[in-house]
Amino acid sequence: MKLNTAIKRATEHLLDSDEARTYKTKADVWGEQSDYVIELERSEDDRNILEVTTWGWDYECVAIPQTRPELIAMKCRAQLFPGGLNDIIRRYCLDILHRESNG
């Protein structure tokens, strides 16, 4: 599958799937983790941006990669700082790469 098609399908999946937008918190002092779902929607100003609409996440967004170098850079940045939104971004990038390679 072409990269552009893989990006489009992975983006649709990200917007539609609660599971794709879920992240786990780090364990608290009692060893418990919580699951949270980040709400995303396309930006009205720029169709290549997904804005986080979850309360408390003001001014956070996810860029939709347009080229392979953008995709790889986005994945690497997300891996450097794991947790929260970066976990979702890393899974999004891996979903794109998986869809592209498996057609």
PDB file of N, CA and C in Angstrom:
ATOM      1  N   MET A   1       0.842  -1.167   0.000  1.00  0.00           N
ATOM      2  CA  MET A   1       0.000   0.000   0.000  1.00  0.00           C
ATOM      3  C   MET A   1       0.892   1.237   0.000  1.00  0.00           C
ATOM      4  N   LYS A   2       0.455   2.259  -0.674  1.00  0.00           N
ATOM      5  CA  LYS A   2       1.217   3.503  -0.714  1.00  0.00           C
ATOM      6  C   LYS A   2       1.182   4.189   0.648  1.00  0.00           C
ATOM      7  N   LEU A   3       2.228   4.954   0.926  1.00  0.00           N
ATOM      8  CA  LEU A   3       2.333   5.648   2.203  1.00  0.00           C
ATOM      9  C   LEU A   3       1.141   6.574   2.432  1.00  0.00           C
ATOM     10  N   ASN A   4       0.731   7.326   1.423  1.00  0.00           N
ATOM     11  CA  ASN A   4      -0.390   8.259   1.592  1.00  0.00           C
ATOM     12  C   ASN A   4      -1.682   7.542   1.971  1.00  0.00           C
ATOM     13  N   THR A   5      -1.922   6.391   1.367  1.00  0.00           N
ATOM     14  CA  THR A   5      -3.117   5.603   1.684  1.00  0.00           C
ATOM     15  C   THR A   5      -3.023   5.059   3.103  1.00  0.00           C
ATOM     16  N   ALA A   6      -1.837   4.583   3.492  1.00  0.00           N
ATOM     17  CA  ALA A   6      -1.637   4.064   4.847  1.00  0.00           C
ATOM     18  C   ALA A   6      -1.849   5.160   5.893  1.00  0.00           C
ATOM     19  N   ILE A   7      -1.373   6.362   5.603  1.00  0.00           N
ATOM     20  CA  ILE A   7      -1.557   7.490   6.520  1.00  0.00           C
ATOM     21  C   ILE A   7      -3.037   7.815   6.659  1.00  0.00           C
ATOM     22  N   LYS A   8      -3.737   7.857   5.538  1.00  0.00           N
ATOM     23  CA  LYS A   8      -5.163   8.179   5.568  1.00  0.00           C
ATOM     24  C   LYS A   8      -5.943   7.153   6.388  1.00  0.00           C
ATOM     25  N   ARG A   9      -5.686   5.872   6.156  1.00  0.00           N
ATOM     26  CA  ARG A   9      -6.417   4.816   6.875  1.00  0.00           C
ATOM     27  C   ARG A   9      -6.060   4.780   8.357  1.00  0.00           C
ATOM     28  N   ALA A  10      -4.791   4.950   8.673  1.00  0.00           N
ATOM     29  CA  ALA A  10      -4.375   4.947  10.075  1.00  0.00           C
ATOM     30  C   ALA A  10      -4.949   6.158  10.818  1.00  0.00           C
ATOM     31  N   THR A  11      -5.043   7.293  10.133  1.00  0.00           N
ATOM     32  CA  THR A  11      -5.616   8.491  10.740  1.00  0.00           C
ATOM     33  C   THR A  11      -7.103   8.301  11.011  1.00  0.00           C
ATOM     34  N   GLU A  12      -7.816   7.723  10.059  1.00  0.00           N
ATOM     35  CA  GLU A  12      -9.242   7.440  10.262  1.00  0.00           C
ATOM     36  C   GLU A  12      -9.427   6.489  11.438  1.00  0.00           C
ATOM     37  N   HIS A  13      -8.567   5.470  11.516  1.00  0.00           N
ATOM     38  CA  HIS A  13      -8.645   4.518  12.622  1.00  0.00           C
ATOM     39  C   HIS A  13      -8.381   5.212  13.957  1.00  0.00           C
ATOM     40  N   LEU A  14      -7.392   6.083  13.993  1.00  0.00           N
ATOM     41  CA  LEU A  14      -7.057   6.813  15.218  1.00  0.00           C
ATOM     42  C   LEU A  14      -8.234   7.667  15.686  1.00  0.00           C
ATOM     43  N   LEU A  15      -8.889   8.346  14.751  1.00  0.00           N
ATOM     44  CA  LEU A  15     -10.016   9.202  15.112  1.00  0.00           C
ATOM     45  C   LEU A  15     -11.237   8.404  15.555  1.00  0.00           C
ATOM     46  N   ASP A  16     -11.411   7.200  15.008  1.00  0.00           N
ATOM     47  CA  ASP A  16     -12.608   6.401  15.276  1.00  0.00           C
ATOM     48  C   ASP A  16     -12.478   5.447  16.462  1.00  0.00           C
ATOM     49  N   SER A  17     -11.283   5.046  16.821  1.00  0.00           N
ATOM     50  CA  SER A  17     -11.081   3.988  17.808  1.00  0.00           C
ATOM     51  C   SER A  17     -10.666   4.520  19.175  1.00  0.00           C
ATOM     52  N   ASP A  18     -11.492   4.240  20.179  1.00  0.00           N
ATOM     53  CA  ASP A  18     -11.116   4.601  21.548  1.00  0.00           C
ATOM     54  C   ASP A  18      -9.855   3.861  21.979  1.00  0.00           C
ATOM     55  N   GLU A  19      -9.733   2.623  21.549  1.00  0.00           N
ATOM     56  CA  GLU A  19      -8.569   1.820  21.921  1.00  0.00           C
ATOM     57  C   GLU A  19      -7.273   2.438  21.381  1.00  0.00           C
ATOM     58  N   ALA A  20      -7.313   2.964  20.163  1.00  0.00           N
ATOM     59  CA  ALA A  20      -6.129   3.579  19.565  1.00  0.00           C
ATOM     60  C   ALA A  20      -5.736   4.869  20.280  1.00  0.00           C
ATOM     61  N   ARG A  21      -6.700   5.505  20.956  1.00  0.00           N
ATOM     62  CA  ARG A  21      -6.442   6.775  21.643  1.00  0.00           C
ATOM     63  C   ARG A  21      -6.298   6.615  23.153  1.00  0.00           C
ATOM     64  N   THR A  22      -6.105   5.379  23.615  1.00  0.00           N
ATOM     65  CA  THR A  22      -5.994   5.109  25.050  1.00  0.00           C
ATOM     66  C   THR A  22      -4.533   5.013  25.463  1.00  0.00           C
ATOM     67  N   TYR A  23      -4.230   5.582  26.616  1.00  0.00           N
ATOM     68  CA  TYR A  23      -2.895   5.421  27.193  1.00  0.00           C
ATOM     69  C   TYR A  23      -3.037   5.067  28.663  1.00  0.00           C
ATOM     70  N   LYS A  24      -2.016   4.436  29.203  1.00  0.00           N
ATOM     71  CA  LYS A  24      -1.986   4.059  30.616  1.00  0.00           C
ATOM     72  C   LYS A  24      -1.067   5.013  31.369  1.00  0.00           C
ATOM     73  N   THR A  25      -1.466   5.340  32.579  1.00  0.00           N
ATOM     74  CA  THR A  25      -0.607   6.145  33.435  1.00  0.00           C
ATOM     75  C   THR A  25       0.445   5.242  34.060  1.00  0.00           C
ATOM     76  N   LYS A  26       1.472   5.842  34.585  1.00  0.00           N
ATOM     77  CA  LYS A  26       2.467   5.075  35.326  1.00  0.00           C
ATOM     78  C   LYS A  26       1.827   4.617  36.632  1.00  0.00           C
ATOM     79  N   ALA A  27       2.353   3.545  37.190  1.00  0.00           N
ATOM     80  CA  ALA A  27       1.810   3.013  38.436  1.00  0.00           C
ATOM     81  C   ALA A  27       1.979   4.038  39.559  1.00  0.00           C
ATOM     82  N   ASP A  28       0.925   4.163  40.356  1.00  0.00           N
ATOM     83  CA  ASP A  28       1.006   5.056  41.512  1.00  0.00           C
ATOM     84  C   ASP A  28       1.671   4.314  42.676  1.00  0.00           C
ATOM     85  N   VAL A  29       1.658   4.903  43.866  1.00  0.00           N
ATOM     86  CA  VAL A  29       2.342   4.297  45.011  1.00  0.00           C
ATOM     87  C   VAL A  29       1.741   2.959  45.415  1.00  0.00           C
ATOM     88  N   TRP A  30       0.497   2.683  45.020  1.00  0.00           N
ATOM     89  CA  TRP A  30      -0.144   1.406  45.319  1.00  0.00           C
ATOM     90  C   TRP A  30      -0.009   0.425  44.163  1.00  0.00           C
ATOM     91  N   GLY A  31       0.714   0.813  43.123  1.00  0.00           N
ATOM     92  CA  GLY A  31       0.936  -0.067  41.985  1.00  0.00           C
ATOM     93  C   GLY A  31      -0.210  -0.115  40.998  1.00  0.00           C
ATOM     94  N   GLU A  32      -1.145   0.809  41.107  1.00  0.00           N
ATOM     95  CA  GLU A  32      -2.307   0.825  40.217  1.00  0.00           C
ATOM     96  C   GLU A  32      -2.066   1.752  39.027  1.00  0.00           C
ATOM     97  N   GLN A  33      -2.569   1.329  37.872  1.00  0.00           N
ATOM     98  CA  GLN A  33      -2.507   2.136  36.660  1.00  0.00           C
ATOM     99  C   GLN A  33      -3.923   2.501  36.245  1.00  0.00           C
ATOM    100  N   SER A  34      -4.045   3.618  35.576  1.00  0.00           N
ATOM    101  CA  SER A  34      -5.341   4.036  35.046  1.00  0.00           C
ATOM    102  C   SER A  34      -5.248   4.170  33.539  1.00  0.00           C
ATOM    103  N   ASP A  35      -6.363   3.917  32.869  1.00  0.00           N
ATOM    104  CA  ASP A  35      -6.463   4.105  31.426  1.00  0.00           C
ATOM    105  C   ASP A  35      -7.210   5.392  31.137  1.00  0.00           C
ATOM    106  N   TYR A  36      -6.713   6.160  30.188  1.00  0.00           N
ATOM    107  CA  TYR A  36      -7.368   7.389  29.771  1.00  0.00           C
ATOM    108  C   TYR A  36      -7.466   7.409  28.248  1.00  0.00           C
ATOM    109  N   VAL A  37      -8.530   7.988  27.737  1.00  0.00           N
ATOM    110  CA  VAL A  37      -8.735   8.118  26.299  1.00  0.00           C
ATOM    111  C   VAL A  37      -8.579   9.587  25.925  1.00  0.00           C
ATOM    112  N   ILE A  38      -7.700   9.860  24.983  1.00  0.00           N
ATOM    113  CA  ILE A  38      -7.496  11.209  24.462  1.00  0.00           C
ATOM    114  C   ILE A  38      -8.508  11.435  23.334  1.00  0.00           C
ATOM    115  N   GLU A  39      -9.204  12.540  23.370  1.00  0.00           N
ATOM    116  CA  GLU A  39     -10.152  12.889  22.305  1.00  0.00           C
ATOM    117  C   GLU A  39      -9.424  13.750  21.271  1.00  0.00           C
ATOM    118  N   LEU A  40      -9.550  13.371  20.003  1.00  0.00           N
ATOM    119  CA  LEU A  40      -8.899  14.081  18.904  1.00  0.00           C
ATOM    120  C   LEU A  40      -9.924  14.479  17.857  1.00  0.00           C
ATOM    121  N   GLU A  41      -9.664  15.591  17.190  1.00  0.00           N
ATOM    122  CA  GLU A  41     -10.471  15.982  16.029  1.00  0.00           C
ATOM    123  C   GLU A  41      -9.585  16.767  15.073  1.00  0.00           C
ATOM    124  N   ARG A  42      -9.972  16.760  13.818  1.00  0.00           N
ATOM    125  CA  ARG A  42      -9.206  17.516  12.818  1.00  0.00           C
ATOM    126  C   ARG A  42      -9.306  19.008  13.098  1.00  0.00           C
ATOM    127  N   SER A  43      -8.212  19.692  12.910  1.00  0.00           N
ATOM    128  CA  SER A  43      -8.181  21.137  13.094  1.00  0.00           C
ATOM    129  C   SER A  43      -9.006  21.821  12.011  1.00  0.00           C
ATOM    130  N   GLU A  44      -9.703  22.854  12.386  1.00  0.00           N
ATOM    131  CA  GLU A  44     -10.473  23.614  11.402  1.00  0.00           C
ATOM    132  C   GLU A  44      -9.555  24.459  10.524  1.00  0.00           C
ATOM    133  N   ASP A  45      -8.411  24.856  11.062  1.00  0.00           N
ATOM    134  CA  ASP A  45      -7.483  25.719  10.328  1.00  0.00           C
ATOM    135  C   ASP A  45      -6.547  24.952   9.403  1.00  0.00           C
ATOM    136  N   ASP A  46      -6.128  23.767   9.833  1.00  0.00           N
ATOM    137  CA  ASP A  46      -5.146  22.988   9.075  1.00  0.00           C
ATOM    138  C   ASP A  46      -5.558  21.521   9.103  1.00  0.00           C
ATOM    139  N   ARG A  47      -5.932  20.979   7.961  1.00  0.00           N
ATOM    140  CA  ARG A  47      -6.426  19.595   7.886  1.00  0.00           C
ATOM    141  C   ARG A  47      -5.336  18.567   8.171  1.00  0.00           C
ATOM    142  N   ASN A  48      -4.079  18.991   8.279  1.00  0.00           N
ATOM    143  CA  ASN A  48      -2.975  18.075   8.574  1.00  0.00           C
ATOM    144  C   ASN A  48      -2.616  18.063  10.056  1.00  0.00           C
ATOM    145  N   ILE A  49      -3.508  18.602  10.879  1.00  0.00           N
ATOM    146  CA  ILE A  49      -3.304  18.651  12.325  1.00  0.00           C
ATOM    147  C   ILE A  49      -4.510  18.021  13.015  1.00  0.00           C
ATOM    148  N   LEU A  50      -4.242  17.184  14.003  1.00  0.00           N
ATOM    149  CA  LEU A  50      -5.285  16.647  14.867  1.00  0.00           C
ATOM    150  C   LEU A  50      -5.151  17.349  16.217  1.00  0.00           C
ATOM    151  N   GLU A  51      -6.191  18.023  16.631  1.00  0.00           N
ATOM    152  CA  GLU A  51      -6.151  18.745  17.899  1.00  0.00           C
ATOM    153  C   GLU A  51      -6.691  17.866  19.018  1.00  0.00           C
ATOM    154  N   VAL A  52      -6.051  17.931  20.169  1.00  0.00           N
ATOM    155  CA  VAL A  52      -6.526  17.208  21.341  1.00  0.00           C
ATOM    156  C   VAL A  52      -7.611  18.064  21.982  1.00  0.00           C
ATOM    157  N   THR A  53      -8.796  17.484  22.147  1.00  0.00           N
ATOM    158  CA  THR A  53      -9.920  18.232  22.724  1.00  0.00           C
ATOM    159  C   THR A  53     -10.247  17.783  24.140  1.00  0.00           C
ATOM    160  N   THR A  54      -9.444  16.883  24.689  1.00  0.00           N
ATOM    161  CA  THR A  54      -9.640  16.419  26.056  1.00  0.00           C
ATOM    162  C   THR A  54      -9.345  17.566  27.018  1.00  0.00           C
ATOM    163  N   TRP A  55     -10.192  17.716  28.025  1.00  0.00           N
ATOM    164  CA  TRP A  55     -10.013  18.784  29.000  1.00  0.00           C
ATOM    165  C   TRP A  55      -8.656  18.636  29.684  1.00  0.00           C
ATOM    166  N   GLY A  56      -7.945  19.747  29.825  1.00  0.00           N
ATOM    167  CA  GLY A  56      -6.641  19.746  30.466  1.00  0.00           C
ATOM    168  C   GLY A  56      -5.475  19.560  29.502  1.00  0.00           C
ATOM    169  N   TRP A  57      -5.770  19.357  28.234  1.00  0.00           N
ATOM    170  CA  TRP A  57      -4.722  19.154  27.232  1.00  0.00           C
ATOM    171  C   TRP A  57      -4.717  20.325  26.245  1.00  0.00           C
ATOM    172  N   ASP A  58      -4.967  21.517  26.728  1.00  0.00           N
ATOM    173  CA  ASP A  58      -5.034  22.698  25.871  1.00  0.00           C
ATOM    174  C   ASP A  58      -3.758  22.859  25.044  1.00  0.00           C
ATOM    175  N   TYR A  59      -3.945  23.215  23.804  1.00  0.00           N
ATOM    176  CA  TYR A  59      -2.861  23.526  22.865  1.00  0.00           C
ATOM    177  C   TYR A  59      -1.992  22.323  22.502  1.00  0.00           C
ATOM    178  N   GLU A  60      -2.466  21.111  22.753  1.00  0.00           N
ATOM    179  CA  GLU A  60      -1.749  19.908  22.328  1.00  0.00           C
ATOM    180  C   GLU A  60      -2.311  19.484  20.978  1.00  0.00           C
ATOM    181  N   CYS A  61      -1.454  18.982  20.119  1.00  0.00           N
ATOM    182  CA  CYS A  61      -1.916  18.527  18.813  1.00  0.00           C
ATOM    183  C   CYS A  61      -0.976  17.451  18.273  1.00  0.00           C
ATOM    184  N   VAL A  62      -1.465  16.770  17.249  1.00  0.00           N
ATOM    185  CA  VAL A  62      -0.696  15.725  16.572  1.00  0.00           C
ATOM    186  C   VAL A  62      -0.665  16.098  15.094  1.00  0.00           C
ATOM    187  N   ALA A  63       0.527  16.206  14.540  1.00  0.00           N
ATOM    188  CA  ALA A  63       0.656  16.484  13.111  1.00  0.00           C
ATOM    189  C   ALA A  63       0.473  15.180  12.348  1.00  0.00           C
ATOM    190  N   ILE A  64      -0.248  15.248  11.268  1.00  0.00           N
ATOM    191  CA  ILE A  64      -0.377  14.086  10.392  1.00  0.00           C
ATOM    192  C   ILE A  64       0.828  14.113   9.463  1.00  0.00           C
ATOM    193  N   PRO A  65       1.685  13.088   9.522  1.00  0.00           N
ATOM    194  CA  PRO A  65       2.890  13.119   8.695  1.00  0.00           C
ATOM    195  C   PRO A  65       2.540  13.072   7.204  1.00  0.00           C
ATOM    196  N   GLN A  66       3.318  13.756   6.411  1.00  0.00           N
ATOM    197  CA  GLN A  66       3.077  13.806   4.971  1.00  0.00           C
ATOM    198  C   GLN A  66       4.141  13.060   4.175  1.00  0.00           C
ATOM    199  N   THR A  67       5.303  12.836   4.789  1.00  0.00           N
ATOM    200  CA  THR A  67       6.407  12.147   4.116  1.00  0.00           C
ATOM    201  C   THR A  67       7.004  11.116   5.068  1.00  0.00           C
ATOM    202  N   ARG A  68       7.781  10.202   4.509  1.00  0.00           N
ATOM    203  CA  ARG A  68       8.442   9.192   5.341  1.00  0.00           C
ATOM    204  C   ARG A  68       9.389   9.835   6.365  1.00  0.00           C
ATOM    205  N   PRO A  69      10.224  10.816   5.994  1.00  0.00           N
ATOM    206  CA  PRO A  69      11.095  11.433   7.006  1.00  0.00           C
ATOM    207  C   PRO A  69      10.295  12.082   8.155  1.00  0.00           C
ATOM    208  N   GLU A  70       9.171  12.713   7.848  1.00  0.00           N
ATOM    209  CA  GLU A  70       8.329  13.285   8.902  1.00  0.00           C
ATOM    210  C   GLU A  70       7.796  12.189   9.820  1.00  0.00           C
ATOM    211  N   LEU A  71       7.379  11.083   9.223  1.00  0.00           N
ATOM    212  CA  LEU A  71       6.847   9.963   9.987  1.00  0.00           C
ATOM    213  C   LEU A  71       7.900   9.386  10.929  1.00  0.00           C
ATOM    214  N   ILE A  72       9.096   9.157  10.417  1.00  0.00           N
ATOM    215  CA  ILE A  72      10.173   8.582  11.228  1.00  0.00           C
ATOM    216  C   ILE A  72      10.587   9.553  12.336  1.00  0.00           C
ATOM    217  N   ALA A  73      10.687  10.840  12.020  1.00  0.00           N
ATOM    218  CA  ALA A  73      11.048  11.833  13.034  1.00  0.00           C
ATOM    219  C   ALA A  73       9.987  11.897  14.131  1.00  0.00           C
ATOM    220  N   MET A  74       8.734  11.826  13.740  1.00  0.00           N
ATOM    221  CA  MET A  74       7.625  11.874  14.693  1.00  0.00           C
ATOM    222  C   MET A  74       7.681  10.652  15.627  1.00  0.00           C
ATOM    223  N   LYS A  75       7.940   9.483  15.061  1.00  0.00           N
ATOM    224  CA  LYS A  75       8.038   8.255  15.850  1.00  0.00           C
ATOM    225  C   LYS A  75       9.213   8.336  16.820  1.00  0.00           C
ATOM    226  N   CYS A  76      10.350   8.817  16.369  1.00  0.00           N
ATOM    227  CA  CYS A  76      11.536   8.922  17.227  1.00  0.00           C
ATOM    228  C   CYS A  76      11.309   9.886  18.383  1.00  0.00           C
ATOM    229  N   ARG A  77      10.685  11.035  18.098  1.00  0.00           N
ATOM    230  CA  ARG A  77      10.395  12.010  19.166  1.00  0.00           C
ATOM    231  C   ARG A  77       9.459  11.415  20.213  1.00  0.00           C
ATOM    232  N   ALA A  78       8.461  10.674  19.759  1.00  0.00           N
ATOM    233  CA  ALA A  78       7.510  10.065  20.686  1.00  0.00           C
ATOM    234  C   ALA A  78       8.192   9.003  21.553  1.00  0.00           C
ATOM    235  N   GLN A  79       9.158   8.289  21.004  1.00  0.00           N
ATOM    236  CA  GLN A  79       9.863   7.271  21.763  1.00  0.00           C
ATOM    237  C   GLN A  79      10.795   7.872  22.807  1.00  0.00           C
ATOM    238  N   LEU A  80      11.295   9.076  22.558  1.00  0.00           N
ATOM    239  CA  LEU A  80      12.207   9.712  23.500  1.00  0.00           C
ATOM    240  C   LEU A  80      11.533  10.075  24.811  1.00  0.00           C
ATOM    241  N   PHE A  81      10.244  10.407  24.757  1.00  0.00           N
ATOM    242  CA  PHE A  81       9.515  10.846  25.941  1.00  0.00           C
ATOM    243  C   PHE A  81       8.235  10.028  26.091  1.00  0.00           C
ATOM    244  N   PRO A  82       8.348   8.759  26.529  1.00  0.00           N
ATOM    245  CA  PRO A  82       7.165   7.898  26.598  1.00  0.00           C
ATOM    246  C   PRO A  82       6.149   8.390  27.619  1.00  0.00           C
ATOM    247  N   GLY A  83       4.912   7.990  27.389  1.00  0.00           N
ATOM    248  CA  GLY A  83       3.820   8.316  28.299  1.00  0.00           C
ATOM    249  C   GLY A  83       2.808   9.229  27.641  1.00  0.00           C
ATOM    250  N   GLY A  84       1.573   9.092  28.064  1.00  0.00           N
ATOM    251  CA  GLY A  84       0.499   9.965  27.611  1.00  0.00           C
ATOM    252  C   GLY A  84       0.340  10.029  26.110  1.00  0.00           C
ATOM    253  N   LEU A  85       0.273  11.240  25.599  1.00  0.00           N
ATOM    254  CA  LEU A  85       0.053  11.469  24.172  1.00  0.00           C
ATOM    255  C   LEU A  85       1.149  10.850  23.314  1.00  0.00           C
ATOM    256  N   ASN A  86       2.376  10.840  23.799  1.00  0.00           N
ATOM    257  CA  ASN A  86       3.475  10.264  23.013  1.00  0.00           C
ATOM    258  C   ASN A  86       3.305   8.762  22.793  1.00  0.00           C
ATOM    259  N   ASP A  87       2.677   8.054  23.735  1.00  0.00           N
ATOM    260  CA  ASP A  87       2.392   6.641  23.524  1.00  0.00           C
ATOM    261  C   ASP A  87       1.417   6.464  22.363  1.00  0.00           C
ATOM    262  N   ILE A  88       0.437   7.336  22.295  1.00  0.00           N
ATOM    263  CA  ILE A  88      -0.557   7.279  21.219  1.00  0.00           C
ATOM    264  C   ILE A  88       0.098   7.624  19.880  1.00  0.00           C
ATOM    265  N   ILE A  89       0.953   8.637  19.866  1.00  0.00           N
ATOM    266  CA  ILE A  89       1.647   9.033  18.636  1.00  0.00           C
ATOM    267  C   ILE A  89       2.547   7.900  18.142  1.00  0.00           C
ATOM    268  N   ARG A  90       3.278   7.247  19.048  1.00  0.00           N
ATOM    269  CA  ARG A  90       4.147   6.146  18.659  1.00  0.00           C
ATOM    270  C   ARG A  90       3.326   5.007  18.039  1.00  0.00           C
ATOM    271  N   ARG A  91       2.202   4.654  18.658  1.00  0.00           N
ATOM    272  CA  ARG A  91       1.345   3.600  18.102  1.00  0.00           C
ATOM    273  C   ARG A  91       0.771   4.012  16.754  1.00  0.00           C
ATOM    274  N   TYR A  92       0.423   5.281  16.607  1.00  0.00           N
ATOM    275  CA  TYR A  92      -0.096   5.813  15.340  1.00  0.00           C
ATOM    276  C   TYR A  92       0.951   5.647  14.238  1.00  0.00           C
ATOM    277  N   CYS A  93       2.187   6.013  14.527  1.00  0.00           N
ATOM    278  CA  CYS A  93       3.266   5.878  13.538  1.00  0.00           C
ATOM    279  C   CYS A  93       3.506   4.415  13.180  1.00  0.00           C
ATOM    280  N   LEU A  94       3.496   3.550  14.179  1.00  0.00           N
ATOM    281  CA  LEU A  94       3.685   2.120  13.908  1.00  0.00           C
ATOM    282  C   LEU A  94       2.526   1.561  13.100  1.00  0.00           C
ATOM    283  N   ASP A  95       1.317   2.048  13.346  1.00  0.00           N
ATOM    284  CA  ASP A  95       0.159   1.620  12.566  1.00  0.00           C
ATOM    285  C   ASP A  95       0.331   2.008  11.108  1.00  0.00           C
ATOM    286  N   ILE A  96       0.788   3.216  10.852  1.00  0.00           N
ATOM    287  CA  ILE A  96       1.036   3.665   9.476  1.00  0.00           C
ATOM    288  C   ILE A  96       2.047   2.760   8.795  1.00  0.00           C
ATOM    289  N   LEU A  97       3.176   2.514   9.470  1.00  0.00           N
ATOM    290  CA  LEU A  97       4.222   1.677   8.885  1.00  0.00           C
ATOM    291  C   LEU A  97       3.735   0.253   8.643  1.00  0.00           C
ATOM    292  N   HIS A  98       2.963  -0.278   9.580  1.00  0.00           N
ATOM    293  CA  HIS A  98       2.410  -1.631   9.425  1.00  0.00           C
ATOM    294  C   HIS A  98       1.458  -1.700   8.239  1.00  0.00           C
ATOM    295  N   ARG A  99       0.570  -0.730   8.117  1.00  0.00           N
ATOM    296  CA  ARG A  99      -0.371  -0.726   7.010  1.00  0.00           C
ATOM    297  C   ARG A  99       0.352  -0.605   5.665  1.00  0.00           C
ATOM    298  N   GLU A 100       1.396   0.232   5.633  1.00  0.00           N
ATOM    299  CA  GLU A 100       2.127   0.417   4.383  1.00  0.00           C
ATOM    300  C   GLU A 100       2.838  -0.877   3.967  1.00  0.00           C
ATOM    301  N   SER A 101       3.449  -1.542   4.916  1.00  0.00           N
ATOM    302  CA  SER A 101       4.237  -2.732   4.564  1.00  0.00           C
ATOM    303  C   SER A 101       3.379  -3.960   4.283  1.00  0.00           C
ATOM    304  N   ASN A 102       2.176  -4.010   4.865  1.00  0.00           N
ATOM    305  CA  ASN A 102       1.324  -5.186   4.667  1.00  0.00           C
ATOM    306  C   ASN A 102       0.246  -4.992   3.621  1.00  0.00           C
ATOM    307  N   GLY A 103       0.184  -3.801   3.067  1.00  0.00           N
ATOM    308  CA  GLY A 103      -0.735  -3.529   1.967  1.00  0.00           C
ATOM    309  C   GLY A 103      -2.152  -3.668   2.350  1.00  0.00           C
TER     310      GLY A 103
END
